[in-house]
Protein backbone atom coordinates (compact mmCIF):
# COMPACT_ATOMS: atom_id res chain seq x y z
CA MET A 1 94.19 94.02 106.30
CA LEU A 2 97.61 92.63 105.42
CA LEU A 3 99.10 89.54 107.03
CA ARG A 4 102.90 89.63 106.79
CA VAL A 5 103.85 85.99 107.08
CA THR A 6 107.59 86.49 106.49
CA GLU A 7 110.31 89.12 106.34
CA ARG A 8 112.31 87.05 103.85
CA CYS A 9 112.74 88.21 100.25
CA HIS A 10 115.55 87.61 97.77
CA MET A 11 114.39 90.22 95.23
CA GLY A 12 116.15 93.19 96.85
CA CYS A 13 114.00 95.98 95.39
CA SER A 14 115.55 99.45 95.61
CA HIS A 15 112.38 101.12 96.94
CA CYS A 16 111.19 98.53 99.49
CA PHE A 17 109.49 100.15 102.48
CA ILE A 18 109.71 97.00 104.60
CA GLU A 19 113.24 97.77 105.71
CA ASN A 20 113.97 94.55 107.59
CA THR A 21 113.14 92.41 104.54
CA GLY A 22 116.03 90.42 103.10
CA PRO A 23 117.28 86.95 102.20
CA HIS A 24 117.73 86.04 105.86
CA GLY A 25 114.43 87.42 107.18
CA GLN A 26 112.39 85.57 109.77
CA HIS A 27 109.11 83.70 109.21
CA MET A 28 105.86 83.97 111.15
CA THR A 29 105.35 80.92 113.37
CA LYS A 30 102.25 78.74 113.16
CA GLU A 31 101.21 79.84 116.65
CA VAL A 32 101.27 83.53 115.69
CA LEU A 33 99.56 82.74 112.39
CA MET A 34 96.62 80.98 114.03
CA GLU A 35 96.24 83.73 116.64
CA SER A 36 96.39 86.32 113.83
CA LEU A 37 93.52 84.58 112.04
CA ARG A 38 91.51 84.49 115.27
CA PHE A 39 92.19 88.21 115.72
CA ALA A 40 91.00 88.93 112.18
CA GLN A 41 87.81 87.00 112.89
CA ARG A 42 87.21 89.01 116.07
CA MET A 43 87.63 92.20 114.04
CA ASN A 44 85.25 90.87 111.35
CA VAL A 45 87.93 91.34 108.66
CA LEU A 46 86.61 90.39 105.22
CA PHE A 47 89.76 90.89 103.11
CA LEU A 48 93.11 89.44 104.11
CA GLY A 49 96.14 90.04 101.92
CA ILE A 50 98.92 87.51 102.55
CA SER A 51 102.12 89.50 102.23
CA GLY A 52 105.71 89.79 103.43
CA GLY A 53 108.60 90.11 102.50
CA GLU A 54 107.85 87.70 99.73
CA PRO A 55 105.14 85.39 101.14
CA THR A 56 105.93 82.52 98.80
CA GLU A 57 109.37 82.22 100.44
CA HIS A 58 107.65 80.99 103.61
CA PRO A 59 108.14 77.19 103.56
CA LYS A 60 104.55 76.67 104.75
CA ILE A 61 102.86 79.13 102.39
CA ILE A 62 100.31 76.62 101.04
CA GLU A 63 99.37 75.57 104.58
CA ILE A 64 99.05 79.26 105.51
CA ILE A 65 96.72 79.89 102.57
CA GLU A 66 94.57 76.87 103.42
CA ASN A 67 94.29 77.95 107.07
CA ALA A 68 93.28 81.45 106.00
CA LYS A 69 90.65 80.05 103.61
CA ARG A 70 89.09 78.04 106.44
CA SER A 71 88.67 81.30 108.33
CA ALA A 72 86.12 82.39 105.68
CA PHE A 73 88.00 85.45 104.47
CA PHE A 74 88.44 86.78 100.96
CA ILE A 75 92.09 85.88 100.49
CA ALA A 76 94.65 87.38 98.13
CA LEU A 77 98.33 86.55 97.82
CA ILE A 78 100.49 89.66 97.31
CA SER A 79 103.73 88.69 95.62
CA ASN A 80 106.64 89.84 93.46
CA GLY A 81 106.03 86.86 91.18
CA MET A 82 109.31 85.01 91.64
CA PHE A 83 107.36 81.87 92.52
CA LEU A 84 106.41 81.65 88.82
CA GLU A 85 109.91 80.26 88.20
CA ASN A 86 108.93 77.21 90.26
CA PRO A 87 106.28 75.20 88.32
CA GLU A 88 105.44 72.98 91.29
CA LEU A 89 104.85 75.90 93.63
CA THR A 90 102.94 77.80 90.94
CA LYS A 91 100.59 74.84 90.46
CA ALA A 92 100.09 74.51 94.22
CA ILE A 93 99.18 78.21 94.50
CA VAL A 94 96.83 77.99 91.51
CA ASP A 95 95.18 74.94 93.09
CA THR A 96 94.33 76.94 96.22
CA GLN A 97 91.97 78.99 94.01
CA ILE A 98 92.81 82.29 95.70
CA HIS A 99 93.44 85.59 93.95
CA VAL A 100 97.05 86.63 93.37
CA GLN A 101 98.36 90.17 92.95
CA ILE A 102 101.83 90.33 91.43
CA THR A 103 103.73 93.64 91.46
CA ASN A 104 106.88 94.01 89.40
CA ASP A 105 107.72 97.62 88.55
CA PRO A 106 110.80 97.67 86.25
CA ARG A 107 111.96 100.96 87.79
CA TYR A 108 112.60 99.34 91.18
CA TYR A 109 112.42 95.56 90.82
CA PRO A 110 115.80 94.13 89.75
CA GLN A 111 114.38 90.96 88.22
CA ARG A 112 111.63 90.65 85.61
CA ILE A 113 109.22 87.73 85.74
CA GLN A 114 107.68 85.39 83.21
CA ARG A 115 103.91 85.86 83.37
CA ILE A 116 101.25 83.22 83.08
CA ARG A 117 97.68 83.93 82.11
CA HIS A 118 95.14 83.09 84.76
CA ASP A 119 91.77 84.62 85.60
CA ARG A 120 92.71 84.98 89.28
CA PHE A 121 96.10 86.63 88.62
CA VAL A 122 96.41 90.43 88.49
CA TYR A 123 99.69 92.07 87.42
CA VAL A 124 100.67 95.53 88.66
CA ASP A 125 103.44 97.25 86.68
CA SER A 126 103.68 100.54 88.57
CA VAL A 127 104.22 101.34 92.25
CA ASP A 128 101.95 104.27 93.17
CA TYR A 129 103.86 105.82 96.05
CA ILE A 130 107.26 105.68 97.74
CA THR A 131 107.72 106.27 101.47
CA PRO A 132 110.87 107.82 103.00
CA CYS A 133 112.39 104.51 104.06
CA GLU A 134 116.13 103.90 104.34
CA LYS A 135 116.39 102.00 101.05
CA ALA A 136 114.58 104.61 98.97
CA THR A 137 116.60 107.44 100.49
CA LYS A 138 119.89 105.59 99.99
CA ASN A 139 119.02 104.87 96.36
CA ASN A 140 117.92 108.49 95.65
CA ILE A 141 114.39 107.46 94.73
CA PRO A 142 111.91 110.37 94.71
CA ILE A 143 109.66 110.24 97.76
CA THR A 144 105.91 110.75 97.45
CA LYS A 145 104.94 113.74 99.59
CA LYS A 146 101.29 114.10 98.72
CA TYR A 147 98.59 111.65 97.73
CA THR A 148 95.29 112.97 96.40
CA GLY A 149 92.00 111.36 97.36
CA CYS A 150 93.03 109.29 100.35
CA THR A 151 92.17 108.49 103.93
CA ASN A 152 93.67 106.03 106.41
CA LEU A 153 92.98 103.92 109.48
CA ARG A 154 93.92 106.55 112.05
CA ASN A 155 91.60 109.33 110.93
CA LEU A 156 88.77 106.84 110.30
CA THR A 157 89.14 105.46 113.82
CA LYS A 158 88.88 109.00 115.16
CA ILE A 159 85.69 109.48 113.14
CA PHE A 160 84.02 106.19 114.13
CA ASN A 161 85.66 105.73 117.56
CA ASN A 162 85.95 102.04 116.69
CA VAL A 163 88.86 100.40 114.86
CA ALA A 164 86.76 97.46 113.62
CA THR A 165 84.31 99.88 111.99
CA ALA A 166 87.22 101.80 110.45
CA ILE A 167 88.64 98.60 108.95
CA LYS A 168 85.22 97.76 107.56
CA PHE A 169 85.04 101.19 105.91
CA LEU A 170 88.42 100.66 104.27
CA GLU A 171 87.33 97.27 102.96
CA ASN A 172 84.17 98.72 101.44
CA ASP A 173 85.79 101.88 100.09
CA ILE A 174 83.98 102.19 96.76
CA ASN A 175 85.39 105.70 96.28
CA ASN A 176 88.95 104.37 96.31
CA LEU A 177 90.09 106.77 99.02
CA LYS A 178 92.36 104.24 100.73
CA LEU A 179 96.14 104.38 100.59
CA CYS A 180 97.49 102.33 103.52
CA SER A 181 96.16 99.03 104.82
CA PRO A 182 96.68 98.01 108.47
CA SER A 183 99.13 95.14 108.83
CA ILE A 184 99.76 92.20 111.14
CA ASN A 185 103.52 91.68 111.48
CA ILE A 186 105.36 88.39 111.92
CA ASP A 187 105.67 88.91 115.70
CA GLY A 188 101.93 89.54 116.12
CA SER A 189 102.24 93.31 116.45
CA ILE A 190 99.83 95.44 114.40
CA SER A 191 100.83 98.47 112.32
CA ALA A 192 98.50 101.29 111.31
CA GLY A 193 99.69 101.01 107.70
CA GLU A 194 101.81 99.04 105.27
CA THR A 195 105.28 100.47 105.85
CA ASN A 196 107.89 100.07 108.56
CA THR A 197 107.52 103.77 109.34
CA CYS A 198 103.93 103.20 110.50
CA SER A 199 103.42 103.13 114.25
CA ARG A 200 102.54 99.94 116.11
CA ILE A 201 99.01 100.21 117.49
CA GLY A 202 98.78 97.01 119.51
CA THR A 203 99.01 93.26 119.11
CA ILE A 204 96.78 90.39 117.99
CA TYR A 205 96.17 89.67 121.68
CA ASP A 206 94.56 93.09 122.29
CA ASN A 207 90.84 93.79 122.07
CA ASN A 208 88.99 96.33 119.94
CA GLU A 209 88.83 98.92 122.71
CA THR A 210 92.58 98.85 123.40
CA ILE A 211 93.57 99.20 119.75
CA THR A 212 90.98 101.93 119.20
CA LYS A 213 92.41 103.94 122.10
CA ASN A 214 95.97 103.41 120.89
CA LEU A 215 95.05 104.71 117.43
CA ILE A 216 93.23 107.76 118.73
CA ASP A 217 96.14 108.62 121.04
CA MET A 218 98.80 107.92 118.40
CA GLN A 219 101.16 110.73 117.41
CA CYS A 220 102.60 109.98 114.01
CA HIS A 221 103.72 111.87 110.85
CA ASN A 222 106.58 109.38 110.39
CA CYS A 223 105.89 108.56 106.74
CA GLY A 224 105.87 112.17 105.55
CA LEU A 225 102.78 111.71 103.38
CA THR A 226 99.97 114.26 103.23
CA TYR A 227 96.60 112.73 102.40
CA ILE A 228 94.10 114.95 100.58
CA ASP A 229 90.50 113.77 100.49
CA THR A 230 89.23 115.69 97.48
CA THR A 231 85.63 114.64 98.14
CA LYS A 232 85.58 116.63 101.38
CA GLY A 233 88.39 119.13 100.90
CA ARG A 234 90.25 117.91 103.99
CA HIS A 235 93.96 117.34 104.58
CA TYR A 236 95.17 114.42 106.69
CA TYR A 237 98.72 113.66 107.73
CA GLY A 238 100.55 110.34 107.99
C-alpha cells in the first residue's frame, strides 16, 4: 500500500499521473498520518511505500518515516531522487535505515540526478506504464492500453470477498502479477490504485467490511488499462 504524504513536487514530469501534484501542493497533516498508520495496522499491511508527490518535500519527512517504522511495517521511500542534492537530508534519510526506490526516467523526468551507491537504494530508469491522465495526454505521450500478466485490488477483492486478504495477496505476489497498489491520499481517502483516475473506495476511518463492499460495488474503467493474467487466461479491466 502507498501512503501519499504530500502532493508537492517541483520536478514537473511530463507523464505524471498524480494530476494535482505541483510546487504548491498540500501536505498530509500529522493527524491524518497517524490515523493512516492505525488504519494500515488494522488492515495488517506489511509493506508501506511512502510516496507523493515527492515525499521528501514534506517538511516532516524524517518524522513521518520514524513514525511509520514504529508501526512495524516494511517501509520504502519512493522518490524522484532530488533529495540527493541536499547532503543533510540525504544523510538523515540514510540514517533511518529504510529502503529507497528512486525513479528517474530520462524520457519524462526533466532533471537528471546524481546517484550515490548504497545497499538500500534501488534506481529505476524506466517507467513501465502510462495512464491517460491530463499531463500525458497534453504532452502527447503514448498511453499504455494493455498490460500482460497483471491483477489488481478490485478483482482480488471480488475473489476473496475481503479487502484485507486482497491486500495481503498483492504484498505476497511472488508471480509478479501486480500493477497498481492501493493508496492512502493526503486527505485520508483511499484509492483502489496509484493514479488519480482510480476510484476512491473509502477512507482511513472506514472498516474492512465497508471498503470491501465499496470495492465490489465499484464501477470503474477510468484508467483505460486492460489487465491480462497470462497464468489463467483471463482479462480484467481497470
